[in-house]
C-alpha atoms as a PDB file:
ATOM      1  CA  MET A   1      29.413 212.630  84.995  1.00  0.00           C
ATOM      2  CA  ALA A   2      25.798 213.835  85.057  1.00  0.00           C
ATOM      3  CA  GLY A   3      24.835 216.575  87.471  1.00  0.00           C
ATOM      4  CA  SER A   4      23.182 215.869  90.834  1.00  0.00           C
ATOM      5  CA  LYS A   5      19.862 217.358  89.754  1.00  0.00           C
ATOM      6  CA  GLU A   6      19.725 215.231  86.600  1.00  0.00           C
ATOM      7  CA  ILE A   7      20.499 212.068  88.588  1.00  0.00           C
ATOM      8  CA  ARG A   8      17.799 212.909  91.177  1.00  0.00           C
ATOM      9  CA  THR A   9      15.298 213.312  88.312  1.00  0.00           C
ATOM     10  CA  LYS A  10      16.249 209.885  86.926  1.00  0.00           C
ATOM     11  CA  ILE A  11      15.906 208.282  90.340  1.00  0.00           C
ATOM     12  CA  LYS A  12      12.443 209.794  90.789  1.00  0.00           C
ATOM     13  CA  SER A  13      11.393 208.588  87.318  1.00  0.00           C
ATOM     14  CA  VAL A  14      12.543 205.003  87.952  1.00  0.00           C
ATOM     15  CA  GLU A  15      10.855 204.996  91.378  1.00  0.00           C
ATOM     16  CA  ASN A  16       7.558 206.034  89.772  1.00  0.00           C
ATOM     17  CA  THR A  17       7.959 203.279  87.163  1.00  0.00           C
ATOM     18  CA  ARG A  18       8.622 200.747  89.914  1.00  0.00           C
ATOM     19  CA  LYS A  19       5.418 201.768  91.702  1.00  0.00           C
ATOM     20  CA  ILE A  20       3.442 201.074  88.501  1.00  0.00           C
ATOM     21  CA  THR A  21       5.074 197.693  87.827  1.00  0.00           C
ATOM     22  CA  LYS A  22       4.617 196.661  91.462  1.00  0.00           C
ATOM     23  CA  ALA A  23       0.917 197.535  91.321  1.00  0.00           C
ATOM     24  CA  MET A  24       0.506 195.643  88.019  1.00  0.00           C
ATOM     25  CA  GLU A  25       2.261 192.638  89.563  1.00  0.00           C
ATOM     26  CA  MET A  26      -0.212 192.561  92.475  1.00  0.00           C
ATOM     27  CA  VAL A  27      -3.212 192.956  90.153  1.00  0.00           C
ATOM     28  CA  ALA A  28      -1.946 190.160  87.902  1.00  0.00           C
ATOM     29  CA  ALA A  29      -1.408 187.887  90.924  1.00  0.00           C
ATOM     30  CA  SER A  30      -5.013 188.429  92.015  1.00  0.00           C
ATOM     31  CA  LYS A  31      -6.374 187.820  88.511  1.00  0.00           C
ATOM     32  CA  MET A  32      -4.137 184.775  88.102  1.00  0.00           C
ATOM     33  CA  ARG A  33      -5.719 183.015  91.081  1.00  0.00           C
ATOM     34  CA  LYS A  34      -9.213 183.682  89.732  1.00  0.00           C
ATOM     35  CA  ALA A  35      -8.201 182.521  86.243  1.00  0.00           C
ATOM     36  CA  GLN A  36      -6.761 179.300  87.663  1.00  0.00           C
ATOM     37  CA  ASP A  37      -9.964 178.659  89.608  1.00  0.00           C
ATOM     38  CA  ARG A  38     -12.044 179.105  86.425  1.00  0.00           C
ATOM     39  CA  MET A  39      -9.719 176.811  84.520  1.00  0.00           C
ATOM     40  CA  ARG A  40      -9.960 174.063  87.142  1.00  0.00           C
ATOM     41  CA  ALA A  41     -13.736 174.496  87.466  1.00  0.00           C
ATOM     42  CA  SER A  42     -14.207 173.809  83.750  1.00  0.00           C
ATOM     43  CA  ARG A  43     -12.258 170.545  83.779  1.00  0.00           C
ATOM     44  CA  PRO A  44     -14.959 168.212  85.251  1.00  0.00           C
ATOM     45  CA  TYR A  45     -17.446 169.183  82.509  1.00  0.00           C
ATOM     46  CA  ALA A  46     -14.774 168.810  79.843  1.00  0.00           C
ATOM     47  CA  GLU A  47     -13.847 165.350  81.150  1.00  0.00           C
ATOM     48  CA  LYS A  48     -17.448 164.123  81.174  1.00  0.00           C
ATOM     49  CA  ILE A  49     -18.246 165.341  77.681  1.00  0.00           C
ATOM     50  CA  ARG A  50     -14.926 163.930  76.442  1.00  0.00           C
ATOM     51  CA  ASN A  51     -15.881 160.506  77.788  1.00  0.00           C
ATOM     52  CA  ALA A  52     -19.261 160.712  76.070  1.00  0.00           C
ATOM     53  CA  ALA A  53     -17.616 161.729  72.792  1.00  0.00           C
ATOM     54  CA  ALA A  54     -15.071 158.896  73.142  1.00  0.00           C
ATOM     55  CA  HIS A  55     -17.811 156.281  73.556  1.00  0.00           C
ATOM     56  CA  LEU A  56     -19.643 157.836  70.625  1.00  0.00           C
ATOM     57  CA  SER A  57     -16.572 157.584  68.379  1.00  0.00           C
ATOM     58  CA  PHE A  58     -16.359 153.813  68.950  1.00  0.00           C
ATOM     59  CA  ALA A  59     -20.100 153.233  68.687  1.00  0.00           C
ATOM     60  CA  GLN A  60     -21.531 151.427  65.680  1.00  0.00           C
ATOM     61  CA  SER A  61     -24.329 153.900  65.067  1.00  0.00           C
ATOM     62  CA  GLU A  62     -26.475 154.256  61.984  1.00  0.00           C
ATOM     63  CA  TYR A  63     -25.430 157.915  61.901  1.00  0.00           C
ATOM     64  CA  ARG A  64     -21.774 158.960  61.677  1.00  0.00           C
ATOM     65  CA  HIS A  65     -21.148 162.619  62.446  1.00  0.00           C
ATOM     66  CA  PRO A  66     -18.887 164.522  59.979  1.00  0.00           C
ATOM     67  CA  PHE A  67     -16.570 165.484  62.854  1.00  0.00           C
ATOM     68  CA  LEU A  68     -15.711 161.783  63.309  1.00  0.00           C
ATOM     69  CA  VAL A  69     -14.981 161.059  59.639  1.00  0.00           C
ATOM     70  CA  LYS A  70     -11.345 161.341  58.577  1.00  0.00           C
ATOM     71  CA  ARG A  71     -10.801 162.849  55.130  1.00  0.00           C
ATOM     72  CA  GLU A  72      -8.139 161.256  52.989  1.00  0.00           C
ATOM     73  CA  ASP A  73      -7.343 164.247  50.758  1.00  0.00           C
ATOM     74  CA  VAL A  74      -6.495 167.251  52.954  1.00  0.00           C
ATOM     75  CA  LYS A  75      -6.391 170.421  50.846  1.00  0.00           C
ATOM     76  CA  ASN A  76      -7.413 173.176  53.280  1.00  0.00           C
ATOM     77  CA  ILE A  77      -6.673 173.580  56.979  1.00  0.00           C
ATOM     78  CA  GLY A  78      -8.360 175.793  59.566  1.00  0.00           C
ATOM     79  CA  LEU A  79      -6.418 177.271  62.481  1.00  0.00           C
ATOM     80  CA  ILE A  80      -7.805 178.934  65.611  1.00  0.00           C
ATOM     81  CA  VAL A  81      -5.136 181.131  67.231  1.00  0.00           C
ATOM     82  CA  VAL A  82      -5.682 182.102  70.881  1.00  0.00           C
ATOM     83  CA  SER A  83      -3.759 185.123  72.183  1.00  0.00           C
ATOM     84  CA  SER A  84      -4.236 187.900  74.717  1.00  0.00           C
ATOM     85  CA  ASP A  85      -5.842 191.289  74.146  1.00  0.00           C
ATOM     86  CA  LYS A  86      -3.120 193.154  76.056  1.00  0.00           C
ATOM     87  CA  GLY A  87       0.651 193.038  76.163  1.00  0.00           C
ATOM     88  CA  LEU A  88       3.183 193.297  79.000  1.00  0.00           C
ATOM     89  CA  CYS A  89       3.111 189.526  79.534  1.00  0.00           C
ATOM     90  CA  GLY A  90       6.627 188.548  78.484  1.00  0.00           C
ATOM     91  CA  GLY A  91       7.008 186.225  75.530  1.00  0.00           C
ATOM     92  CA  LEU A  92       3.559 184.637  75.888  1.00  0.00           C
ATOM     93  CA  ASN A  93       2.075 185.929  72.631  1.00  0.00           C
ATOM     94  CA  THR A  94       5.390 185.839  70.771  1.00  0.00           C
ATOM     95  CA  ASN A  95       5.815 182.114  71.436  1.00  0.00           C
ATOM     96  CA  VAL A  96       2.304 181.078  70.390  1.00  0.00           C
ATOM     97  CA  LEU A  97       2.355 183.276  67.283  1.00  0.00           C
ATOM     98  CA  ARG A  98       5.780 181.969  66.296  1.00  0.00           C
ATOM     99  CA  MET A  99       4.513 178.386  66.593  1.00  0.00           C
ATOM    100  CA  SER A 100       1.449 179.259  64.493  1.00  0.00           C
ATOM    101  CA  LEU A 101       3.549 180.987  61.827  1.00  0.00           C
ATOM    102  CA  ASN A 102       6.018 178.097  61.555  1.00  0.00           C
ATOM    103  CA  GLN A 103       3.187 175.577  61.213  1.00  0.00           C
ATOM    104  CA  MET A 104       1.459 177.749  58.606  1.00  0.00           C
ATOM    105  CA  LYS A 105       4.681 177.900  56.568  1.00  0.00           C
ATOM    106  CA  THR A 106       4.922 174.100  56.747  1.00  0.00           C
ATOM    107  CA  TRP A 107       1.355 173.718  55.488  1.00  0.00           C
ATOM    108  CA  GLU A 108       1.881 176.276  52.732  1.00  0.00           C
ATOM    109  CA  SER A 109       5.048 174.508  51.554  1.00  0.00           C
ATOM    110  CA  SER A 110       3.008 171.327  51.090  1.00  0.00           C
ATOM    111  CA  GLY A 111       0.419 173.187  48.997  1.00  0.00           C
ATOM    112  CA  LYS A 112      -2.380 173.420  51.559  1.00  0.00           C
ATOM    113  CA  GLY A 113      -4.688 176.408  51.919  1.00  0.00           C
ATOM    114  CA  ILE A 114      -5.073 177.998  55.365  1.00  0.00           C
ATOM    115  CA  GLN A 115      -8.009 179.786  56.962  1.00  0.00           C
ATOM    116  CA  VAL A 116      -7.519 181.467  60.331  1.00  0.00           C
ATOM    117  CA  SER A 117      -9.791 182.378  63.225  1.00  0.00           C
ATOM    118  CA  ALA A 118      -8.235 184.762  65.767  1.00  0.00           C
ATOM    119  CA  ILE A 119      -9.224 184.944  69.427  1.00  0.00           C
ATOM    120  CA  GLY A 120      -7.512 187.914  71.073  1.00  0.00           C
ATOM    121  CA  ASN A 121      -6.347 191.280  69.772  1.00  0.00           C
ATOM    122  CA  LYS A 122      -2.647 190.394  69.529  1.00  0.00           C
ATOM    123  CA  GLY A 123      -3.256 187.357  67.339  1.00  0.00           C
ATOM    124  CA  PHE A 124      -5.782 189.202  65.169  1.00  0.00           C
ATOM    125  CA  GLY A 125      -3.363 192.059  64.527  1.00  0.00           C
ATOM    126  CA  PHE A 126      -0.504 189.664  63.763  1.00  0.00           C
ATOM    127  CA  MET A 127      -2.523 187.598  61.285  1.00  0.00           C
ATOM    128  CA  ASN A 128      -3.599 190.747  59.473  1.00  0.00           C
ATOM    129  CA  ARG A 129      -0.006 191.943  59.249  1.00  0.00           C
ATOM    130  CA  ILE A 130       1.237 188.713  57.652  1.00  0.00           C
ATOM    131  CA  GLY A 131      -1.683 188.687  55.195  1.00  0.00           C
ATOM    132  CA  ALA A 132      -3.402 185.524  56.475  1.00  0.00           C
ATOM    133  CA  GLN A 133      -6.973 184.718  55.425  1.00  0.00           C
ATOM    134  CA  VAL A 134      -8.866 185.593  58.619  1.00  0.00           C
ATOM    135  CA  LYS A 135     -12.348 184.040  58.514  1.00  0.00           C
ATOM    136  CA  SER A 136     -13.499 185.237  61.950  1.00  0.00           C
ATOM    137  CA  HIS A 137     -12.155 186.939  65.050  1.00  0.00           C
ATOM    138  CA  ILE A 138     -13.145 188.000  68.554  1.00  0.00           C
ATOM    139  CA  THR A 139     -11.386 190.573  70.747  1.00  0.00           C
ATOM    140  CA  GLY A 140     -12.106 192.255  74.059  1.00  0.00           C
ATOM    141  CA  LEU A 141     -12.896 189.103  76.042  1.00  0.00           C
ATOM    142  CA  GLY A 142     -11.943 190.762  79.320  1.00  0.00           C
ATOM    143  CA  ASP A 143     -10.552 188.886  82.306  1.00  0.00           C
ATOM    144  CA  ALA A 144     -12.946 185.926  82.070  1.00  0.00           C
ATOM    145  CA  PRO A 145     -13.885 183.807  79.018  1.00  0.00           C
ATOM    146  CA  HIS A 146     -17.583 183.771  78.130  1.00  0.00           C
ATOM    147  CA  LEU A 147     -18.797 180.950  75.925  1.00  0.00           C
ATOM    148  CA  GLU A 148     -21.608 183.032  74.417  1.00  0.00           C
ATOM    149  CA  LYS A 149     -18.964 185.411  73.007  1.00  0.00           C
ATOM    150  CA  LEU A 150     -16.879 182.568  71.583  1.00  0.00           C
ATOM    151  CA  ILE A 151     -19.694 180.600  69.937  1.00  0.00           C
ATOM    152  CA  GLY A 152     -19.978 182.819  66.850  1.00  0.00           C
ATOM    153  CA  THR A 153     -16.253 182.672  66.111  1.00  0.00           C
ATOM    154  CA  ILE A 154     -16.150 178.896  66.611  1.00  0.00           C
ATOM    155  CA  LYS A 155     -19.285 178.298  64.513  1.00  0.00           C
ATOM    156  CA  VAL A 156     -17.709 179.933  61.460  1.00  0.00           C
ATOM    157  CA  MET A 157     -14.932 177.329  61.472  1.00  0.00           C
ATOM    158  CA  LEU A 158     -17.249 174.406  62.261  1.00  0.00           C
ATOM    159  CA  ASP A 159     -19.579 175.389  59.421  1.00  0.00           C
ATOM    160  CA  ALA A 160     -16.587 175.648  57.089  1.00  0.00           C
ATOM    161  CA  TYR A 161     -15.538 172.116  58.075  1.00  0.00           C
ATOM    162  CA  ILE A 162     -19.007 170.664  57.526  1.00  0.00           C
ATOM    163  CA  ALA A 163     -19.266 172.463  54.161  1.00  0.00           C
ATOM    164  CA  GLY A 164     -15.927 170.999  53.078  1.00  0.00           C
ATOM    165  CA  GLU A 165     -14.127 174.351  52.924  1.00  0.00           C
ATOM    166  CA  ILE A 166     -11.521 173.009  55.372  1.00  0.00           C
ATOM    167  CA  ASP A 167     -10.510 169.386  55.933  1.00  0.00           C
ATOM    168  CA  GLN A 168      -8.756 169.724  59.298  1.00  0.00           C
ATOM    169  CA  LEU A 169      -9.088 172.153  62.186  1.00  0.00           C
ATOM    170  CA  TYR A 170      -6.362 173.000  64.693  1.00  0.00           C
ATOM    171  CA  ILE A 171      -6.125 175.295  67.688  1.00  0.00           C
ATOM    172  CA  CYS A 172      -2.956 176.980  68.943  1.00  0.00           C
ATOM    173  CA  TYR A 173      -2.873 178.387  72.478  1.00  0.00           C
ATOM    174  CA  THR A 174      -0.663 178.673  75.557  1.00  0.00           C
ATOM    175  CA  LYS A 175      -1.102 175.793  77.999  1.00  0.00           C
ATOM    176  CA  PHE A 176      -0.809 176.587  81.704  1.00  0.00           C
ATOM    177  CA  ILE A 177       1.736 174.310  83.423  1.00  0.00           C
ATOM    178  CA  ASN A 178       2.454 176.291  86.591  1.00  0.00           C
ATOM    179  CA  THR A 179       3.027 179.881  87.643  1.00  0.00           C
ATOM    180  CA  MET A 180       6.538 179.971  86.199  1.00  0.00           C
ATOM    181  CA  LYS A 181       5.971 177.830  83.098  1.00  0.00           C
ATOM    182  CA  GLN A 182       3.543 178.133  80.198  1.00  0.00           C
ATOM    183  CA  GLU A 183       3.893 176.203  76.935  1.00  0.00           C
ATOM    184  CA  PRO A 184       2.580 177.048  73.445  1.00  0.00           C
ATOM    185  CA  THR A 185       0.476 174.099  72.279  1.00  0.00           C
ATOM    186  CA  MET A 186      -0.930 173.013  68.907  1.00  0.00           C
ATOM    187  CA  GLN A 187      -3.922 170.652  69.122  1.00  0.00           C
ATOM    188  CA  GLN A 188      -6.032 169.061  66.398  1.00  0.00           C
ATOM    189  CA  LEU A 189      -9.752 169.648  66.916  1.00  0.00           C
ATOM    190  CA  LEU A 190     -11.173 168.039  63.782  1.00  0.00           C
ATOM    191  CA  PRO A 191     -11.559 165.334  62.700  1.00  0.00           C
ATOM    192  CA  LEU A 192     -11.924 163.566  66.049  1.00  0.00           C
ATOM    193  CA  SER A 193     -10.742 160.013  66.548  1.00  0.00           C
ATOM    194  CA  GLY A 194     -11.148 157.477  69.317  1.00  0.00           C
ATOM    195  CA  GLU A 195      -7.387 157.500  69.964  1.00  0.00           C
ATOM    196  CA  GLN A 196      -7.369 161.289  70.189  1.00  0.00           C
ATOM    197  CA  LEU A 197     -10.340 161.349  72.542  1.00  0.00           C
ATOM    198  CA  GLY A 198      -8.832 158.663  74.727  1.00  0.00           C
ATOM    199  CA  SER A 199     -10.274 155.264  75.357  1.00  0.00           C
ATOM    200  CA  ALA A 200     -11.387 153.479  78.465  1.00  0.00           C
ATOM    201  CA  GLU A 201     -11.966 149.770  78.751  1.00  0.00           C
ATOM    202  CA  GLY A 202     -15.326 148.920  77.310  1.00  0.00           C
ATOM    203  CA  HIS A 203     -17.329 151.135  75.008  1.00  0.00           C
ATOM    204  CA  TRP A 204     -21.031 151.346  74.520  1.00  0.00           C
ATOM    205  CA  ASP A 205     -23.537 152.938  72.241  1.00  0.00           C
ATOM    206  CA  TYR A 206     -26.385 155.078  73.461  1.00  0.00           C
ATOM    207  CA  ILE A 207     -30.132 154.904  73.087  1.00  0.00           C
ATOM    208  CA  TYR A 208     -31.136 158.091  71.263  1.00  0.00           C
ATOM    209  CA  GLU A 209     -34.452 159.863  71.716  1.00  0.00           C
ATOM    210  CA  PRO A 210     -36.016 160.881  69.398  1.00  0.00           C
ATOM    211  CA  GLU A 211     -33.222 159.965  66.936  1.00  0.00           C
ATOM    212  CA  ALA A 212     -29.445 159.893  66.693  1.00  0.00           C
ATOM    213  CA  LYS A 213     -28.735 162.812  64.353  1.00  0.00           C
ATOM    214  CA  PRO A 214     -29.910 165.847  66.399  1.00  0.00           C
ATOM    215  CA  VAL A 215     -28.494 164.393  69.636  1.00  0.00           C
ATOM    216  CA  VAL A 216     -25.098 163.574  68.143  1.00  0.00           C
ATOM    217  CA  ASP A 217     -24.909 166.883  66.266  1.00  0.00           C
ATOM    218  CA  GLU A 218     -25.536 168.813  69.460  1.00  0.00           C
ATOM    219  CA  LEU A 219     -23.105 166.726  71.499  1.00  0.00           C
ATOM    220  CA  MET A 220     -20.216 167.059  69.042  1.00  0.00           C
ATOM    221  CA  THR A 221     -20.734 170.817  68.716  1.00  0.00           C
ATOM    222  CA  ARG A 222     -20.778 171.225  72.498  1.00  0.00           C
ATOM    223  CA  TYR A 223     -17.619 169.130  72.737  1.00  0.00           C
ATOM    224  CA  ILE A 224     -15.647 171.294  70.296  1.00  0.00           C
ATOM    225  CA  GLU A 225     -16.925 174.434  72.023  1.00  0.00           C
ATOM    226  CA  SER A 226     -15.765 173.070  75.384  1.00  0.00           C
ATOM    227  CA  LEU A 227     -12.300 172.390  73.919  1.00  0.00           C
ATOM    228  CA  VAL A 228     -12.007 175.964  72.651  1.00  0.00           C
ATOM    229  CA  TYR A 229     -13.360 177.372  75.924  1.00  0.00           C
ATOM    230  CA  ASN A 230     -10.797 175.375  77.900  1.00  0.00           C
ATOM    231  CA  ALA A 231      -8.025 176.565  75.583  1.00  0.00           C
ATOM    232  CA  VAL A 232      -9.064 180.201  76.149  1.00  0.00           C
ATOM    233  CA  ALA A 233      -9.270 179.615  79.930  1.00  0.00           C
ATOM    234  CA  GLU A 234      -5.788 178.052  79.908  1.00  0.00           C
ATOM    235  CA  ASN A 235      -4.464 180.970  77.848  1.00  0.00           C
ATOM    236  CA  MET A 236      -5.932 183.542  80.251  1.00  0.00           C
ATOM    237  CA  ALA A 237      -4.397 181.794  83.271  1.00  0.00           C
ATOM    238  CA  SER A 238      -1.077 181.697  81.406  1.00  0.00           C
ATOM    239  CA  GLU A 239      -1.407 185.378  80.498  1.00  0.00           C
ATOM    240  CA  GLN A 240      -1.873 186.519  84.092  1.00  0.00           C
ATOM    241  CA  SER A 241       0.956 184.282  85.321  1.00  0.00           C
ATOM    242  CA  ALA A 242       3.310 185.566  82.616  1.00  0.00           C
ATOM    243  CA  ARG A 243       2.316 189.174  83.353  1.00  0.00           C
ATOM    244  CA  MET A 244       2.889 188.725  87.087  1.00  0.00           C
ATOM    245  CA  VAL A 245       6.367 187.264  86.463  1.00  0.00           C
ATOM    246  CA  ALA A 246       7.218 189.970  83.902  1.00  0.00           C
ATOM    247  CA  MET A 247       6.118 192.783  86.225  1.00  0.00           C
ATOM    248  CA  LYS A 248       8.041 191.257  89.154  1.00  0.00           C
ATOM    249  CA  SER A 249      11.139 191.122  86.994  1.00  0.00           C
ATOM    250  CA  ALA A 250      10.578 194.743  85.938  1.00  0.00           C
ATOM    251  CA  SER A 251      10.165 195.811  89.586  1.00  0.00           C
ATOM    252  CA  ASP A 252      13.349 193.990  90.604  1.00  0.00           C
ATOM    253  CA  ASN A 253      15.268 195.560  87.715  1.00  0.00           C
ATOM    254  CA  ALA A 254      13.954 199.004  88.657  1.00  0.00           C
ATOM    255  CA  LYS A 255      15.124 198.466  92.240  1.00  0.00           C
ATOM    256  CA  SER A 256      18.583 197.533  90.961  1.00  0.00           C
ATOM    257  CA  VAL A 257      18.716 200.601  88.706  1.00  0.00           C
ATOM    258  CA  ILE A 258      17.665 202.857  91.597  1.00  0.00           C
ATOM    259  CA  GLY A 259      20.499 201.436  93.712  1.00  0.00           C
ATOM    260  CA  GLU A 260      23.033 202.105  90.943  1.00  0.00           C
ATOM    261  CA  LEU A 261      21.743 205.642  90.375  1.00  0.00           C
ATOM    262  CA  LYS A 262      21.910 206.433  94.093  1.00  0.00           C
ATOM    263  CA  LEU A 263      25.506 205.240  94.145  1.00  0.00           C
ATOM    264  CA  VAL A 264      26.338 207.506  91.189  1.00  0.00           C
ATOM    265  CA  TYR A 265      24.461 210.374  92.882  1.00  0.00           C
ATOM    266  CA  ASN A 266      26.405 209.931  96.140  1.00  0.00           C
ATOM    267  CA  LYS A 267      29.695 209.861  94.225  1.00  0.00           C
ATOM    268  CA  ALA A 268      28.761 213.028  92.351  1.00  0.00           C
ATOM    269  CA  ARG A 269      27.725 214.754  95.558  1.00  0.00           C
ATOM    270  CA  GLN A 270      30.931 213.672  97.316  1.00  0.00           C
ATOM    271  CA  ALA A 271      32.996 214.932  94.397  1.00  0.00           C
ATOM    272  CA  ALA A 272      31.209 218.292  94.542  1.00  0.00           C
ATOM    273  CA  ILE A 273      31.798 218.557  98.300  1.00  0.00           C
ATOM    274  CA  THR A 274      35.473 217.639  97.920  1.00  0.00           C
ATOM    275  CA  LYS A 275      35.867 220.262  95.197  1.00  0.00           C
ATOM    276  CA  GLU A 276      34.280 222.952  97.375  1.00  0.00           C
ATOM    277  CA  ILE A 277      36.500 222.060 100.331  1.00  0.00           C
ATOM    278  CA  SER A 278      39.560 222.173  98.081  1.00  0.00           C
ATOM    279  CA  GLU A 279      38.575 225.596  96.803  1.00  0.00           C
ATOM    280  CA  ILE A 280      38.018 226.881 100.371  1.00  0.00           C
ATOM    281  CA  VAL A 281      41.337 225.508 101.579  1.00  0.00           C
ATOM    282  CA  GLY A 282      43.117 226.931  98.540  1.00  0.00           C
ATOM    283  CA  GLY A 283      41.508 230.338  99.072  1.00  0.00           C
ATOM    284  CA  ALA A 284      42.394 230.363 102.781  1.00  0.00           C
ATOM    285  CA  ALA A 285      45.986 229.424 101.971  1.00  0.00           C
ATOM    286  CA  ALA A 286      46.205 232.239  99.407  1.00  0.00           C
ATOM    287  CA  VAL A 287      44.870 234.797 101.885  1.00  0.00           C
ATOM    288  CA  SER A 288      47.183 233.698 104.705  1.00  0.00           C
ATOM    289  CA  SER A 289      50.214 233.887 102.456  1.00  0.00           C
END
């Protein structure tokens, strides 16, 4: 059995660890609420622009945007992987990266080329380690997504699609369900279809001023950017929720370990006291005899 001093040192170490995990849990809880508010605030804009894009996809316009044209022969696929910059958030990054890797293996087995764009330090490092062709990346987004930081990374993939370098574009991220549940999700961004956008009863075309091409080009680009922004916002809310749960679990485990160590310490101390008493009694008996 370990000595009393060694056990006291262990107890002190675990208590210090528990203070850190408890503080990280509270910080993550605060950031989680803010991240959820940002995520919900972005939804009305996303819904409106989705409706406009849905009507546009059914419209019989003289100009058909490349994002709305399905390509029959798919040879190359683009993938945007959204992850966190920091760890200590449970299996959040592991799950989304595993889904991305499995899908990439499926594409490779069917002879398709893959180009990757990484959002987040964890995903960028993982894609480099497996030797993926990383076309663009962005790290250090902080606690809030900023569209101006994301635009450059997104534009690389959109330009590649327009140029014919990729024939489909997907995004993989962690979807926020609730505080205790987050799901890795794979979503096709390009090409867009009316069924994918969702359809309401009745569709109409628009009157374009000055002409259709610049208006439609701008609208479709903004729509894809809003999808990626929402995915990043969902991933950040998921990250803070997962971190809060992971740190709470770590704090609870530390509390349990402290209780076990204190029990061992009390047993060791009691054994030492019993031994001393036995030695005293034995010595007194020897003297009296």
